[in-house]
């Protein structure tokens, strides 16, 4: 015999309306009452419907192994608690993001994770966040604070430290003409990495670091174009804003008739597993995908249970992984 809301309400000694609020993770239910209802559902074997159990992971970079890894880890953190993730590939700040979320909210999405989506874009439309606020759907961000005045938890890799690690590594190898293949202006992580790069170079007595920054798209082709420009300036070391850009930089260096790392050293950023198997194996600054995903999972679980989570940005330290794409500066 199928267990219904009426059975759960009687078992927990609460109203059916209270059970409904718990099932749909709405506010207005005390922690004690919520736990009693959850316990009654478990004891009676009540099966939640799919509606209200979905967590949307919104991202542009579905082809990037790092973002796929983070999304998979978020799924692993949430699945034991009955929540299912759905991947929403969008263009950050575009209408498509709002369309996705409107459809999901109408179907009862439990929470939203912005994985380097509109939260990374300066001047992005805030309609998505307003929609979620009005419908009381909690959301968090990864690698990019939301627009001013949008209170939400954000979990990011420390971009300034990432730039410092890359510059320090190349500087210790004797490189002084170090360039940066950066992402586009207006992308918050890219802008922060550029500032970190300029500051790291300044700490080492290199005052004109801005002229060694080339902005391009987060792609192999963007990295290749940036590397060609930097090699033309005489760079012997390149700090790339992503592993994809770093692989493009390697190709760009080789098409100039030069070798990596004998003539030009290249450092990536993200720490995708595939970079261990490239030629040469890529030195990279690894983002802590496991810790980011774990903290996001914990926060989402707390938010959908109507527990408070601190707003603002929490920074996580990256680590340098040294492989074969960097070496001593050529004399």
Protein backbone atom coordinates (compact mmCIF):
# COMPACT_ATOMS: atom_id res chain seq x y z
CA UNK A 1 0.00 0.00 0.00
CA UNK A 2 1.43 3.37 -1.06
CA UNK A 3 2.30 5.76 1.75
CA UNK A 4 0.92 9.27 1.30
CA UNK A 5 1.25 12.69 2.92
CA UNK A 6 -1.73 11.95 5.18
CA UNK A 7 0.06 8.91 6.61
CA UNK A 8 3.25 10.87 7.21
CA UNK A 9 1.34 13.71 8.89
CA UNK A 10 -0.43 11.30 11.24
CA UNK A 11 2.80 9.48 12.09
CA UNK A 12 4.66 12.73 12.80
CA UNK A 13 1.62 14.29 14.53
CA UNK A 14 1.68 17.40 12.33
CA UNK A 15 -0.59 18.85 9.67
CA UNK A 16 -0.49 17.80 6.01
CA UNK A 17 0.49 21.38 5.15
CA UNK A 18 3.56 21.05 7.36
CA UNK A 19 4.55 17.80 5.65
CA UNK A 20 4.14 19.52 2.28
CA UNK A 21 6.42 22.37 3.36
CA UNK A 22 9.08 19.89 4.49
CA UNK A 23 8.87 17.89 1.28
CA UNK A 24 9.25 21.05 -0.82
CA UNK A 25 11.93 22.43 1.54
CA UNK A 26 9.99 25.62 2.20
CA UNK A 27 10.55 27.97 5.10
CA UNK A 28 8.33 28.27 8.16
CA UNK A 29 9.08 24.87 9.72
CA UNK A 30 11.16 24.54 12.88
CA UNK A 31 14.20 22.29 12.90
CA UNK A 32 12.57 19.94 15.43
CA UNK A 33 9.40 19.59 13.37
CA UNK A 34 11.33 19.13 10.13
CA UNK A 35 13.40 16.34 11.67
CA UNK A 36 10.22 14.66 12.97
CA UNK A 37 8.67 14.71 9.50
CA UNK A 38 11.87 13.46 7.85
CA UNK A 39 12.02 10.64 10.42
CA UNK A 40 8.37 9.73 9.78
CA UNK A 41 8.96 9.58 6.02
CA UNK A 42 11.95 7.29 6.54
CA UNK A 43 10.11 4.99 8.95
CA UNK A 44 7.06 4.70 6.69
CA UNK A 45 9.08 4.36 3.49
CA UNK A 46 7.57 7.47 1.93
CA UNK A 47 9.09 8.09 -1.51
CA UNK A 48 9.67 11.70 -2.44
CA UNK A 49 8.71 12.68 -5.94
CA UNK A 50 11.43 13.88 -8.27
CA UNK A 51 10.05 17.43 -8.23
CA UNK A 52 12.00 19.49 -5.72
CA UNK A 53 14.93 17.05 -5.72
CA UNK A 54 16.90 18.54 -8.61
CA UNK A 55 19.96 20.75 -8.20
CA UNK A 56 20.87 22.67 -11.35
CA UNK A 57 24.58 23.10 -12.10
CA UNK A 58 24.83 26.01 -14.52
CA UNK A 59 28.09 26.32 -16.48
CA UNK A 60 29.43 27.38 -19.84
CA UNK A 61 32.51 25.18 -19.86
CA UNK A 62 31.00 21.69 -20.19
CA UNK A 63 33.86 20.58 -22.47
CA UNK A 64 36.51 21.56 -19.92
CA UNK A 65 37.58 18.50 -17.87
CA UNK A 66 37.98 20.58 -14.70
CA UNK A 67 34.37 21.78 -14.72
CA UNK A 68 33.11 18.30 -15.59
CA UNK A 69 35.10 16.97 -12.63
CA UNK A 70 33.63 19.55 -10.25
CA UNK A 71 30.09 18.83 -11.46
CA UNK A 72 30.62 15.10 -10.98
CA UNK A 73 31.96 15.62 -7.46
CA UNK A 74 28.97 17.81 -6.56
CA UNK A 75 26.69 15.01 -7.76
CA UNK A 76 28.58 12.52 -5.58
CA UNK A 77 28.21 14.78 -2.54
CA UNK A 78 24.46 15.30 -3.02
CA UNK A 79 23.27 11.90 -4.27
CA UNK A 80 23.38 10.15 -0.87
CA UNK A 81 20.93 12.77 0.39
CA UNK A 82 18.35 12.16 -2.33
CA UNK A 83 19.27 15.13 -4.49
CA UNK A 84 20.02 14.77 -8.19
CA UNK A 85 22.09 17.22 -10.24
CA UNK A 86 21.19 18.33 -13.74
CA UNK A 87 23.86 20.01 -15.89
CA UNK A 88 22.78 23.21 -17.64
CA UNK A 89 25.24 24.28 -20.38
CA UNK A 90 24.75 28.01 -20.95
CA UNK A 91 26.51 31.13 -22.09
CA UNK A 92 27.26 33.29 -19.03
CA UNK A 93 25.00 36.31 -18.67
CA UNK A 94 22.88 35.35 -21.67
CA UNK A 95 19.15 34.85 -22.06
CA UNK A 96 19.70 31.11 -22.27
CA UNK A 97 20.63 30.97 -18.57
CA UNK A 98 17.38 32.65 -17.55
CA UNK A 99 15.39 30.35 -19.86
CA UNK A 100 16.97 27.28 -18.31
CA UNK A 101 16.29 28.44 -14.77
CA UNK A 102 12.72 29.52 -15.50
CA UNK A 103 11.91 26.04 -16.79
CA UNK A 104 13.61 24.32 -13.87
CA UNK A 105 12.03 26.55 -11.23
CA UNK A 106 8.61 25.78 -12.68
CA UNK A 107 9.42 22.09 -12.24
CA UNK A 108 10.47 22.57 -8.61
CA UNK A 109 14.28 22.76 -8.64
CA UNK A 110 15.69 22.57 -5.10
CA UNK A 111 18.83 24.70 -5.59
CA UNK A 112 21.15 26.14 -8.22
CA UNK A 113 24.95 26.08 -8.47
CA UNK A 114 26.51 28.72 -10.74
CA UNK A 115 29.75 27.06 -11.84
CA UNK A 116 31.71 29.88 -13.51
CA UNK A 117 28.54 31.08 -15.22
CA UNK A 118 27.00 34.57 -15.03
CA UNK A 119 28.57 35.00 -11.59
CA UNK A 120 31.94 35.43 -13.32
CA UNK A 121 30.85 38.19 -15.71
CA UNK A 122 31.09 41.88 -14.85
CA UNK A 123 27.81 43.62 -15.64
CA UNK A 124 25.87 40.39 -16.15
CA UNK A 125 22.09 40.57 -15.99
CA UNK A 126 20.79 39.81 -12.49
CA UNK A 127 17.37 38.59 -13.64
CA UNK A 128 18.34 34.97 -12.89
CA UNK A 129 19.14 35.76 -9.27
CA UNK A 130 15.97 37.81 -8.88
CA UNK A 131 13.90 34.92 -10.23
CA UNK A 132 15.47 32.53 -7.74
CA UNK A 133 15.01 34.99 -4.89
CA UNK A 134 11.33 35.48 -5.68
CA UNK A 135 10.75 31.72 -5.89
CA UNK A 136 12.83 31.09 -2.76
CA UNK A 137 15.29 28.81 -4.52
CA UNK A 138 18.73 28.95 -2.84
CA UNK A 139 21.86 29.26 -4.95
CA UNK A 140 25.64 29.31 -4.60
CA UNK A 141 28.52 30.31 -6.86
CA UNK A 142 31.88 28.78 -7.76
CA UNK A 143 34.87 30.84 -8.88
CA UNK A 144 33.22 34.22 -9.09
CA UNK A 145 31.36 36.54 -6.74
CA UNK A 146 27.89 37.62 -7.76
CA UNK A 147 27.04 41.18 -8.72
CA UNK A 148 27.10 43.78 -5.97
CA UNK A 149 24.16 43.48 -3.63
CA UNK A 150 23.47 39.81 -4.41
CA UNK A 151 23.99 37.93 -1.11
CA UNK A 152 24.97 34.32 -1.68
CA UNK A 153 27.70 31.87 -0.68
CA UNK A 154 30.60 31.71 -3.13
CA UNK A 155 33.49 29.23 -3.17
CA UNK A 156 36.54 30.18 -5.23
CA UNK A 157 40.13 29.25 -5.86
CA UNK A 158 42.49 32.02 -4.73
CA UNK A 159 43.42 33.49 -8.12
CA UNK A 160 46.05 35.84 -6.69
CA UNK A 161 47.85 32.93 -5.03
CA UNK A 162 47.60 30.92 -8.24
CA UNK A 163 49.38 33.68 -10.15
CA UNK A 164 52.01 33.96 -7.42
CA UNK A 165 52.75 30.23 -7.55
CA UNK A 166 53.18 30.26 -11.33
CA UNK A 167 55.33 33.40 -11.44
CA UNK A 168 57.48 32.25 -8.52
CA UNK A 169 58.14 28.91 -10.20
CA UNK A 170 59.23 30.50 -13.47
CA UNK A 171 61.26 33.19 -11.71
CA UNK A 172 63.16 30.55 -9.70
CA UNK A 173 64.02 28.86 -13.00
CA UNK A 174 65.69 32.08 -14.16
CA UNK A 175 62.91 33.50 -16.32
CA UNK A 176 62.52 37.28 -16.28
CA UNK A 177 60.55 37.88 -19.48
CA UNK A 178 57.37 36.19 -18.26
CA UNK A 179 54.09 36.75 -20.09
CA UNK A 180 50.50 35.90 -19.29
CA UNK A 181 47.94 34.35 -21.64
CA UNK A 182 44.83 35.64 -19.90
CA UNK A 183 41.11 35.19 -20.33
CA UNK A 184 38.92 38.06 -21.59
CA UNK A 185 38.51 41.36 -19.74
CA UNK A 186 35.35 41.53 -17.66
CA UNK A 187 35.66 37.91 -16.58
CA UNK A 188 36.17 38.13 -12.81
CA UNK A 189 38.59 35.19 -12.42
CA UNK A 190 40.62 36.37 -15.41
CA UNK A 191 40.79 39.93 -14.06
CA UNK A 192 41.88 38.68 -10.64
CA UNK A 193 44.57 36.45 -12.12
CA UNK A 194 45.90 39.40 -14.13
CA UNK A 195 46.06 41.54 -11.00
CA UNK A 196 47.77 38.71 -9.17
CA UNK A 197 50.24 38.28 -12.02
CA UNK A 198 51.11 42.00 -12.12
CA UNK A 199 51.54 42.07 -8.34
CA UNK A 200 53.70 38.93 -8.34
CA UNK A 201 55.94 40.38 -11.05
CA UNK A 202 56.13 43.69 -9.16
CA UNK A 203 57.33 41.90 -6.03
CA UNK A 204 60.23 40.65 -8.11
CA UNK A 205 61.20 44.06 -9.41
CA UNK A 206 59.43 43.87 -12.77
CA UNK A 207 57.40 47.06 -12.97
CA UNK A 208 56.05 46.87 -16.55
CA UNK A 209 54.19 43.58 -16.21
CA UNK A 210 51.00 44.91 -17.82
CA UNK A 211 52.67 44.92 -21.23
CA UNK A 212 53.29 41.19 -20.84
CA UNK A 213 49.56 40.37 -20.57
CA UNK A 214 47.66 39.22 -23.67
CA UNK A 215 43.87 38.80 -23.37
CA UNK A 216 42.23 36.02 -25.32
CA UNK A 217 39.38 33.50 -25.12
CA UNK A 218 39.50 30.49 -22.80
CA UNK A 219 40.34 28.04 -25.57
CA UNK A 220 43.20 26.22 -27.26
CA UNK A 221 43.02 28.73 -30.11
CA UNK A 222 43.07 31.64 -27.67
CA UNK A 223 46.14 30.24 -25.96
CA UNK A 224 47.86 29.73 -29.28
CA UNK A 225 47.20 33.32 -30.37
CA UNK A 226 48.35 34.72 -27.01
CA UNK A 227 51.54 32.65 -27.08
CA UNK A 228 52.39 33.83 -30.59
CA UNK A 229 52.10 37.43 -29.42
CA UNK A 230 54.13 36.83 -26.26
CA UNK A 231 56.89 34.99 -28.12
CA UNK A 232 57.02 37.98 -30.45
CA UNK A 233 57.68 40.15 -27.39
CA UNK A 234 60.52 37.86 -26.36
CA UNK A 235 58.84 35.95 -23.53
CA UNK A 236 60.67 32.86 -22.27
CA UNK A 237 57.94 31.89 -19.81
CA UNK A 238 54.13 31.89 -20.21
CA UNK A 239 51.52 31.73 -17.46
CA UNK A 240 48.23 30.56 -18.98
CA UNK A 241 44.78 31.22 -17.50
CA UNK A 242 43.60 27.66 -18.13
CA UNK A 243 45.00 24.28 -19.11
CA UNK A 244 43.29 24.55 -22.50
CA UNK A 245 45.03 27.89 -23.10
CA UNK A 246 48.32 26.35 -21.97
CA UNK A 247 47.98 23.52 -24.50
CA UNK A 248 47.28 26.14 -27.15
CA UNK A 249 50.34 28.06 -25.98
CA UNK A 250 52.50 24.96 -26.45
CA UNK A 251 51.21 24.66 -30.00
CA UNK A 252 51.78 28.36 -30.62
CA UNK A 253 55.37 28.17 -29.39
CA UNK A 254 56.10 25.17 -31.60
CA UNK A 255 54.64 26.87 -34.66
CA UNK A 256 57.17 29.64 -34.10
CA UNK A 257 59.88 27.00 -34.54
CA UNK A 258 60.67 26.90 -30.82
CA UNK A 259 60.61 24.15 -28.22
CA UNK A 260 58.79 23.69 -24.90
CA UNK A 261 60.46 23.87 -22.41
CA UNK A 262 63.92 24.37 -23.97
CA UNK A 263 63.05 27.78 -25.44
CA UNK A 264 59.79 28.71 -23.71
CA UNK A 265 58.29 27.33 -20.50
CA UNK A 266 54.50 27.08 -20.10
CA UNK A 267 52.40 26.86 -16.92
CA UNK A 268 48.70 25.95 -17.07
CA UNK A 269 45.84 26.50 -14.65
CA UNK A 270 43.05 24.14 -13.49
CA UNK A 271 44.89 20.87 -12.94
CA UNK A 272 42.85 18.65 -15.24
CA UNK A 273 43.89 15.00 -15.08
CA UNK A 274 44.51 14.94 -18.83
CA UNK A 275 47.44 17.37 -18.48
CA UNK A 276 49.54 14.58 -17.01
CA UNK A 277 49.42 12.80 -20.37
CA UNK A 278 50.10 15.66 -22.79
CA UNK A 279 53.38 16.16 -24.65
CA UNK A 280 55.10 17.57 -22.74
CA UNK A 281 53.27 16.78 -19.50
CA UNK A 282 51.94 20.15 -18.36
CA UNK A 283 53.14 22.04 -15.31
CA UNK A 284 49.96 23.54 -13.89
CA UNK A 285 48.39 25.26 -10.92
CA UNK A 286 45.77 22.81 -9.72
CA UNK A 287 42.44 24.04 -8.41
CA UNK A 288 41.14 22.05 -5.40
CA UNK A 289 38.15 20.51 -7.18
CA UNK A 290 37.54 18.02 -4.38
CA UNK A 291 37.39 20.62 -1.61
CA UNK A 292 35.35 23.08 -3.68
CA UNK A 293 32.76 20.44 -4.54
CA UNK A 294 32.59 19.13 -0.98
CA UNK A 295 31.94 22.59 0.45
CA UNK A 296 29.38 23.35 -2.24
CA UNK A 297 27.62 20.09 -1.45
CA UNK A 298 27.51 20.86 2.26
CA UNK A 299 26.17 24.34 1.62
CA UNK A 300 23.48 23.19 -0.78
CA UNK A 301 22.31 20.56 1.70
CA UNK A 302 22.14 23.18 4.44
CA UNK A 303 20.29 25.69 2.26
CA UNK A 304 17.65 23.25 1.03
CA UNK A 305 17.06 22.31 4.66
CA UNK A 306 16.52 26.00 5.50
CA UNK A 307 19.69 26.24 7.55
CA UNK A 308 21.75 29.40 7.33
CA UNK A 309 25.00 29.47 5.35
CA UNK A 310 27.39 32.46 5.51
CA UNK A 311 27.23 34.65 2.42
CA UNK A 312 30.31 36.11 0.74
CA UNK A 313 33.32 34.46 -0.81
CA UNK A 314 35.41 31.66 0.70
CA UNK A 315 38.85 31.22 -0.90
CA UNK A 316 40.63 27.89 -1.36
CA UNK A 317 44.38 27.51 -1.91
CA UNK A 318 45.57 25.98 -5.20
CA UNK A 319 48.79 23.98 -5.56
CA UNK A 320 51.60 23.96 -8.10
CA UNK A 321 52.13 20.67 -9.95
CA UNK A 322 55.53 20.64 -11.65
CA UNK A 323 55.89 18.52 -14.76
CA UNK A 324 57.82 18.69 -18.04
CA UNK A 325 56.55 21.90 -19.68
CA UNK A 326 58.78 24.16 -17.58
CA UNK A 327 62.55 24.32 -17.35
CA UNK A 328 65.48 26.71 -16.83
CA UNK A 329 65.46 29.88 -18.91
CA UNK A 330 67.53 29.61 -22.07
CA UNK A 331 70.73 31.62 -22.01
